[in-house]
C-alpha atoms as a PDB file:
ATOM      1  CA  MET A   1       3.830 -15.913   3.236  1.00  0.00           C
ATOM      2  CA  ILE A   2       3.417 -13.860   6.105  1.00  0.00           C
ATOM      3  CA  ASN A   3       0.291 -11.519   7.135  1.00  0.00           C
ATOM      4  CA  ILE A   4       1.061  -7.998   8.191  1.00  0.00           C
ATOM      5  CA  SER A   5      -1.649  -5.750   9.275  1.00  0.00           C
ATOM      6  CA  GLN A   6       0.317  -2.575   8.558  1.00  0.00           C
ATOM      7  CA  ALA A   7       0.690  -1.029   5.092  1.00  0.00           C
ATOM      8  CA  VAL A   8       4.190  -1.360   3.788  1.00  0.00           C
ATOM      9  CA  VAL A   9       5.849   1.550   1.725  1.00  0.00           C
ATOM     10  CA  VAL A  10       8.471   0.793  -1.160  1.00  0.00           C
ATOM     11  CA  GLU A  11      10.113   2.687  -3.424  1.00  0.00           C
ATOM     12  CA  GLY A  12       9.633   0.948  -6.719  1.00  0.00           C
ATOM     13  CA  LYS A  13       7.269  -1.579  -8.509  1.00  0.00           C
ATOM     14  CA  TYR A  14      10.139  -4.273  -8.664  1.00  0.00           C
ATOM     15  CA  ASP A  15      10.509  -4.202  -4.743  1.00  0.00           C
ATOM     16  CA  LYS A  16       6.516  -4.436  -4.404  1.00  0.00           C
ATOM     17  CA  ILE A  17       6.638  -7.462  -6.617  1.00  0.00           C
ATOM     18  CA  LYS A  18       9.451  -8.837  -4.428  1.00  0.00           C
ATOM     19  CA  LEU A  19       7.620  -8.056  -1.244  1.00  0.00           C
ATOM     20  CA  SER A  20       4.444  -9.721  -2.462  1.00  0.00           C
ATOM     21  CA  SER A  21       5.796 -12.776  -3.062  1.00  0.00           C
ATOM     22  CA  VAL A  22       6.607 -12.444   0.892  1.00  0.00           C
ATOM     23  CA  ILE A  23       3.954 -10.864   2.583  1.00  0.00           C
ATOM     24  CA  ASN A  24       0.123 -10.675   2.627  1.00  0.00           C
ATOM     25  CA  GLY A  25      -0.927  -7.223   3.006  1.00  0.00           C
ATOM     26  CA  VAL A  26      -1.324  -3.780   1.339  1.00  0.00           C
ATOM     27  CA  ILE A  27       2.113  -2.478  -0.482  1.00  0.00           C
ATOM     28  CA  ILE A  28       2.394   1.038  -1.416  1.00  0.00           C
ATOM     29  CA  CYS A  29       4.842   2.119  -4.171  1.00  0.00           C
ATOM     30  CA  THR A  30       6.404   5.782  -3.851  1.00  0.00           C
ATOM     31  CA  GLY A  31       7.497   5.539  -7.466  1.00  0.00           C
ATOM     32  CA  GLY A  32      10.883   6.879  -6.407  1.00  0.00           C
ATOM     33  CA  PHE A  33      11.176  10.697  -5.769  1.00  0.00           C
ATOM     34  CA  HIS A  34       7.758  10.815  -7.529  1.00  0.00           C
ATOM     35  CA  ILE A  35       6.208  10.743  -3.963  1.00  0.00           C
ATOM     36  CA  TYR A  36       7.485  14.614  -3.243  1.00  0.00           C
ATOM     37  CA  LYS A  37       4.685  15.883  -5.774  1.00  0.00           C
ATOM     38  CA  ASP A  38       2.107  12.869  -5.591  1.00  0.00           C
ATOM     39  CA  LYS A  39      -0.545  14.443  -2.916  1.00  0.00           C
ATOM     40  CA  GLU A  40      -2.892  11.717  -3.684  1.00  0.00           C
ATOM     41  CA  LYS A  41      -0.495   8.786  -2.841  1.00  0.00           C
ATOM     42  CA  MET A  42       0.448  10.872   0.369  1.00  0.00           C
ATOM     43  CA  SER A  43      -2.849  10.961   1.120  1.00  0.00           C
ATOM     44  CA  LEU A  44      -3.112   7.143   1.075  1.00  0.00           C
ATOM     45  CA  ILE A  45      -0.015   6.932   3.364  1.00  0.00           C
ATOM     46  CA  ARG A  46      -1.451   8.898   5.873  1.00  0.00           C
ATOM     47  CA  HIS A  47      -4.529   7.265   5.684  1.00  0.00           C
ATOM     48  CA  TYR A  48      -2.835   4.123   6.387  1.00  0.00           C
ATOM     49  CA  ALA A  49      -0.670   5.550   9.030  1.00  0.00           C
ATOM     50  CA  GLU A  50      -3.671   6.792  11.125  1.00  0.00           C
ATOM     51  CA  LYS A  51      -5.860   3.677  10.553  1.00  0.00           C
ATOM     52  CA  THR A  52      -3.275   0.702  10.740  1.00  0.00           C
ATOM     53  CA  GLY A  53       0.360   2.050  10.874  1.00  0.00           C
ATOM     54  CA  ILE A  54       2.799   2.048   8.187  1.00  0.00           C
ATOM     55  CA  ILE A  55       6.134   0.321   7.754  1.00  0.00           C
ATOM     56  CA  ILE A  56       8.739   2.115   5.433  1.00  0.00           C
ATOM     57  CA  LEU A  57      11.118  -0.240   3.721  1.00  0.00           C
ATOM     58  CA  THR A  58      13.289   1.534   1.212  1.00  0.00           C
ATOM     59  CA  ASP A  59      16.644   0.956   0.056  1.00  0.00           C
ATOM     60  CA  SER A  60      19.539   1.143   2.053  1.00  0.00           C
ATOM     61  CA  ASP A  61      21.353   3.475  -0.326  1.00  0.00           C
ATOM     62  CA  SER A  62      21.283   7.585   0.167  1.00  0.00           C
ATOM     63  CA  ALA A  63      18.475   7.926  -2.256  1.00  0.00           C
ATOM     64  CA  GLY A  64      16.245   5.197   0.027  1.00  0.00           C
ATOM     65  CA  PHE A  65      17.082   7.279   3.178  1.00  0.00           C
ATOM     66  CA  LYS A  66      16.089  10.550   1.520  1.00  0.00           C
ATOM     67  CA  ILE A  67      12.681   9.174   0.689  1.00  0.00           C
ATOM     68  CA  ARG A  68      12.177   7.225   4.195  1.00  0.00           C
ATOM     69  CA  ASN A  69      13.066  10.797   5.593  1.00  0.00           C
ATOM     70  CA  TYR A  70      10.869  12.732   3.439  1.00  0.00           C
ATOM     71  CA  LEU A  71       7.968  10.228   4.432  1.00  0.00           C
ATOM     72  CA  LYS A  72       9.054  10.317   8.260  1.00  0.00           C
ATOM     73  CA  GLY A  73       8.395  14.155   8.140  1.00  0.00           C
ATOM     74  CA  ALA A  74       5.442  14.330   5.825  1.00  0.00           C
ATOM     75  CA  VAL A  75       3.464  12.025   8.081  1.00  0.00           C
ATOM     76  CA  LYS A  76       2.418  13.867  11.082  1.00  0.00           C
ATOM     77  CA  ASN A  77       0.069  11.323  12.647  1.00  0.00           C
ATOM     78  CA  GLY A  78      -0.165   7.431  12.859  1.00  0.00           C
ATOM     79  CA  ASN A  79       2.347   4.663  13.585  1.00  0.00           C
ATOM     80  CA  ILE A  80       5.403   4.308  11.588  1.00  0.00           C
ATOM     81  CA  ILE A  81       7.850   1.580  11.875  1.00  0.00           C
ATOM     82  CA  ASN A  82      11.109   1.613  10.167  1.00  0.00           C
ATOM     83  CA  VAL A  83      12.705  -1.703   8.542  1.00  0.00           C
ATOM     84  CA  TYR A  84      15.939  -1.668   7.513  1.00  0.00           C
ATOM     85  CA  ILE A  85      17.586  -3.978   4.903  1.00  0.00           C
ATOM     86  CA  PRO A  86      21.238  -4.521   5.398  1.00  0.00           C
ATOM     87  CA  ASP A  87      24.198  -3.329   3.104  1.00  0.00           C
ATOM     88  CA  ILE A  88      24.806  -6.169   0.801  1.00  0.00           C
ATOM     89  CA  PHE A  89      27.072  -5.174  -2.547  1.00  0.00           C
ATOM     90  CA  GLY A  90      26.210  -6.912  -5.665  1.00  0.00           C
ATOM     91  CA  LYS A  91      23.413  -6.164  -8.430  1.00  0.00           C
ATOM     92  CA  GLU A  92      20.006  -7.220  -9.247  1.00  0.00           C
ATOM     93  CA  ARG A  93      19.605  -9.903 -12.118  1.00  0.00           C
ATOM     94  CA  ARG A  94      17.379  -7.694 -14.225  1.00  0.00           C
ATOM     95  CA  LYS A  95      20.035  -4.740 -14.263  1.00  0.00           C
ATOM     96  CA  ALA A  96      22.985  -4.372 -16.549  1.00  0.00           C
ATOM     97  CA  ALA A  97      24.965  -2.895 -13.923  1.00  0.00           C
ATOM     98  CA  PRO A  98      25.159  -2.211 -10.037  1.00  0.00           C
ATOM     99  CA  SER A  99      23.397   0.919  -8.457  1.00  0.00           C
ATOM    100  CA  LYS A 100      25.598   3.956  -8.105  1.00  0.00           C
ATOM    101  CA  GLU A 101      26.707   3.023  -4.443  1.00  0.00           C
ATOM    102  CA  GLY A 102      26.479  -0.865  -5.516  1.00  0.00           C
ATOM    103  CA  LYS A 103      24.192  -1.584  -2.938  1.00  0.00           C
ATOM    104  CA  LEU A 104      21.327  -4.360  -3.796  1.00  0.00           C
ATOM    105  CA  GLY A 105      17.800  -2.853  -3.115  1.00  0.00           C
ATOM    106  CA  VAL A 106      14.697  -4.285  -1.628  1.00  0.00           C
ATOM    107  CA  GLU A 107      14.113  -6.425  -4.763  1.00  0.00           C
ATOM    108  CA  GLY A 108      17.791  -8.237  -4.394  1.00  0.00           C
ATOM    109  CA  MET A 109      17.092  -9.158  -0.886  1.00  0.00           C
ATOM    110  CA  SER A 110      16.368 -12.773  -0.523  1.00  0.00           C
ATOM    111  CA  GLU A 111      12.752 -13.638   1.444  1.00  0.00           C
ATOM    112  CA  GLU A 112      14.784 -14.797   4.622  1.00  0.00           C
ATOM    113  CA  ILE A 113      16.487 -11.501   4.841  1.00  0.00           C
ATOM    114  CA  ILE A 114      13.406  -9.374   4.200  1.00  0.00           C
ATOM    115  CA  LEU A 115      11.714 -11.549   7.188  1.00  0.00           C
ATOM    116  CA  ASP A 116      14.754 -11.071   9.400  1.00  0.00           C
ATOM    117  CA  ALA A 117      14.562  -7.313   8.859  1.00  0.00           C
ATOM    118  CA  PHE A 118      10.775  -7.218   9.730  1.00  0.00           C
ATOM    119  CA  ARG A 119      11.619  -9.135  12.857  1.00  0.00           C
ATOM    120  CA  ARG A 120      14.418  -7.025  13.891  1.00  0.00           C
ATOM    121  CA  ALA A 121      11.920  -4.049  13.554  1.00  0.00           C
ATOM    122  CA  GLY A 122       9.507  -5.376  15.952  1.00  0.00           C
ATOM    123  CA  VAL A 123       7.089  -5.982  13.261  1.00  0.00           C
ATOM    124  CA  THR A 124       4.460  -8.990  14.396  1.00  0.00           C
ATOM    125  CA  PHE A 125       2.814 -11.060  11.848  1.00  0.00           C
ATOM    126  CA  THR A 126       1.326 -14.379  11.591  1.00  0.00           C
ATOM    127  CA  GLU A 127       2.296 -16.942   8.865  1.00  0.00           C
ATOM    128  CA  GLY A 128       0.232 -18.911   6.464  1.00  0.00           C
ATOM    129  CA  GLU A 129      -2.226 -17.941   3.552  1.00  0.00           C
ATOM    130  CA  LYS A 130      -4.473 -15.065   4.749  1.00  0.00           C
ATOM    131  CA  PRO A 131      -8.195 -15.674   2.905  1.00  0.00           C
ATOM    132  CA  LYS A 132      -8.506 -13.198   0.042  1.00  0.00           C
ATOM    133  CA  GLY A 133     -10.978 -10.399   0.423  1.00  0.00           C
ATOM    134  CA  ASP A 134     -14.042 -10.834  -1.211  1.00  0.00           C
ATOM    135  CA  ILE A 135     -14.449  -7.463  -3.080  1.00  0.00           C
ATOM    136  CA  ASP A 136     -13.308  -7.290  -6.611  1.00  0.00           C
ATOM    137  CA  LYS A 137     -13.662  -4.976  -9.798  1.00  0.00           C
ATOM    138  CA  MET A 138     -16.864  -6.986 -10.868  1.00  0.00           C
ATOM    139  CA  LEU A 139     -18.641  -6.355  -7.395  1.00  0.00           C
ATOM    140  CA  LEU A 140     -17.728  -2.485  -7.611  1.00  0.00           C
ATOM    141  CA  TYR A 141     -19.196  -2.677 -11.282  1.00  0.00           C
ATOM    142  CA  GLU A 142     -22.314  -4.578 -10.026  1.00  0.00           C
ATOM    143  CA  LEU A 143     -22.794  -1.909  -7.228  1.00  0.00           C
ATOM    144  CA  GLY A 144     -22.350   0.897  -9.705  1.00  0.00           C
ATOM    145  CA  PHE A 145     -18.815   2.074  -9.127  1.00  0.00           C
ATOM    146  CA  SER A 146     -17.532   1.466 -12.806  1.00  0.00           C
ATOM    147  CA  GLY A 147     -19.429   1.107 -16.312  1.00  0.00           C
ATOM    148  CA  ALA A 148     -22.539   3.461 -15.098  1.00  0.00           C
ATOM    149  CA  PRO A 149     -23.086   6.934 -15.985  1.00  0.00           C
ATOM    150  CA  ASP A 150     -22.652   8.387 -12.431  1.00  0.00           C
ATOM    151  CA  ALA A 151     -19.929   5.985 -11.687  1.00  0.00           C
ATOM    152  CA  SER A 152     -17.267   8.496 -11.021  1.00  0.00           C
ATOM    153  CA  GLU A 153     -19.399  10.601  -8.794  1.00  0.00           C
ATOM    154  CA  ARG A 154     -20.417   7.556  -6.782  1.00  0.00           C
ATOM    155  CA  ARG A 155     -17.114   6.149  -6.478  1.00  0.00           C
ATOM    156  CA  ARG A 156     -15.966  10.215  -5.037  1.00  0.00           C
ATOM    157  CA  ARG A 157     -18.786  10.071  -2.839  1.00  0.00           C
ATOM    158  CA  LEU A 158     -17.857   6.532  -1.144  1.00  0.00           C
ATOM    159  CA  LEU A 159     -14.022   7.495  -1.145  1.00  0.00           C
ATOM    160  CA  LYS A 160     -14.891  10.769   0.585  1.00  0.00           C
ATOM    161  CA  ARG A 161     -17.218   9.068   2.960  1.00  0.00           C
ATOM    162  CA  LEU A 162     -14.504   6.340   3.803  1.00  0.00           C
ATOM    163  CA  GLY A 163     -11.563   9.244   4.047  1.00  0.00           C
ATOM    164  CA  LEU A 164      -9.604   7.711   1.090  1.00  0.00           C
ATOM    165  CA  PRO A 165      -8.057   9.685  -1.851  1.00  0.00           C
ATOM    166  CA  GLU A 166     -10.642  10.533  -4.479  1.00  0.00           C
ATOM    167  CA  LEU A 167      -8.626   9.626  -7.506  1.00  0.00           C
ATOM    168  CA  LEU A 168      -8.205   5.747  -6.825  1.00  0.00           C
ATOM    169  CA  THR A 169      -8.627   3.603  -9.862  1.00  0.00           C
ATOM    170  CA  THR A 170     -11.457   0.685  -9.478  1.00  0.00           C
ATOM    171  CA  GLY A 171      -8.615  -1.856  -9.151  1.00  0.00           C
ATOM    172  CA  ALA A 172      -6.643   0.239  -6.577  1.00  0.00           C
ATOM    173  CA  MET A 173     -10.034   0.876  -4.781  1.00  0.00           C
ATOM    174  CA  ALA A 174     -10.799  -2.941  -4.852  1.00  0.00           C
ATOM    175  CA  GLU A 175      -7.377  -3.636  -3.034  1.00  0.00           C
ATOM    176  CA  ILE A 176      -7.732  -0.854  -0.462  1.00  0.00           C
ATOM    177  CA  LEU A 177     -11.504  -1.841   0.430  1.00  0.00           C
ATOM    178  CA  ASN A 178     -10.305  -5.582   0.837  1.00  0.00           C
ATOM    179  CA  THR A 179      -8.067  -4.329   3.935  1.00  0.00           C
ATOM    180  CA  MET A 180     -10.948  -2.395   5.239  1.00  0.00           C
ATOM    181  CA  MET A 181     -14.328  -4.494   5.286  1.00  0.00           C
ATOM    182  CA  THR A 182     -16.015  -7.514   3.721  1.00  0.00           C
ATOM    183  CA  ALA A 183     -18.399  -7.387   0.650  1.00  0.00           C
ATOM    184  CA  ASP A 184     -21.339  -7.398   3.013  1.00  0.00           C
ATOM    185  CA  GLU A 185     -19.970  -4.353   5.014  1.00  0.00           C
ATOM    186  CA  LEU A 186     -19.524  -2.547   1.651  1.00  0.00           C
ATOM    187  CA  ALA A 187     -22.967  -3.486   0.283  1.00  0.00           C
ATOM    188  CA  LYS A 188     -24.387  -1.908   3.825  1.00  0.00           C
ATOM    189  CA  ILE A 189     -22.785   1.394   2.882  1.00  0.00           C
ATOM    190  CA  VAL A 190     -23.939   1.417  -0.361  1.00  0.00           C
ATOM    191  CA  SER A 191     -27.259   0.870   0.702  1.00  0.00           C
ATOM    192  CA  GLU A 192     -26.947   3.639   3.228  1.00  0.00           C
ATOM    193  CA  MET A 193     -25.658   5.988   0.097  1.00  0.00           C
ATOM    194  CA  ASN A 194     -28.494   5.077  -1.893  1.00  0.00           C
ATOM    195  CA  GLY A 195     -30.848   5.944   0.952  1.00  0.00           C
ATOM    196  CA  GLU A 196     -29.292   9.353   1.514  1.00  0.00           C
ATOM    197  CA  GLU A 197     -29.304   9.878  -2.160  1.00  0.00           C
ATOM    198  CA  GLY A 198     -33.010   8.971  -2.402  1.00  0.00           C
ATOM    199  CA  ALA A 199     -33.617  11.957   0.950  1.00  0.00           C
ATOM    200  CA  GLU A 200     -31.861  14.200  -1.236  1.00  0.00           C
END
């Protein structure tokens, strides 16, 4: 496994599954062309572009290039690295037939090819297991971000404070917070928020 500081943007859930066996880091799935209408997802991608930089890793077919070009045009600020997989013809194991253009997508690439594509794009990474973050759904529950009567309002306030999309699920919120801070740092922010509530 390699550790990558940037968020990696891929097309589909099977690409995300494949990539998560290769890298430790944030992986954002566009849902294919759904990204064109998904304002919350684009807000998240822009957030990471500015904070950590993003890596765009789409399939090498025409649909993949359309999504890549859309993302490049939609992200005005921040750092974008384009990682390209080679044209390899064949079909993914789970599919009955090859794609329209006959090329393998990200999910069909070997780990070695994916790592080589990252290296060729100049992505820097460290190898080895990255320690897992200590923010999980149980901690968010204990801090009042789920299960409490005002949980959705508390989530909204925290996400707004951090410049994150307000419609994130608790699970997605835990995943993203782990890339930004420790549990202790989150507890400090919550304490500040509680102090502000008391002062209102």
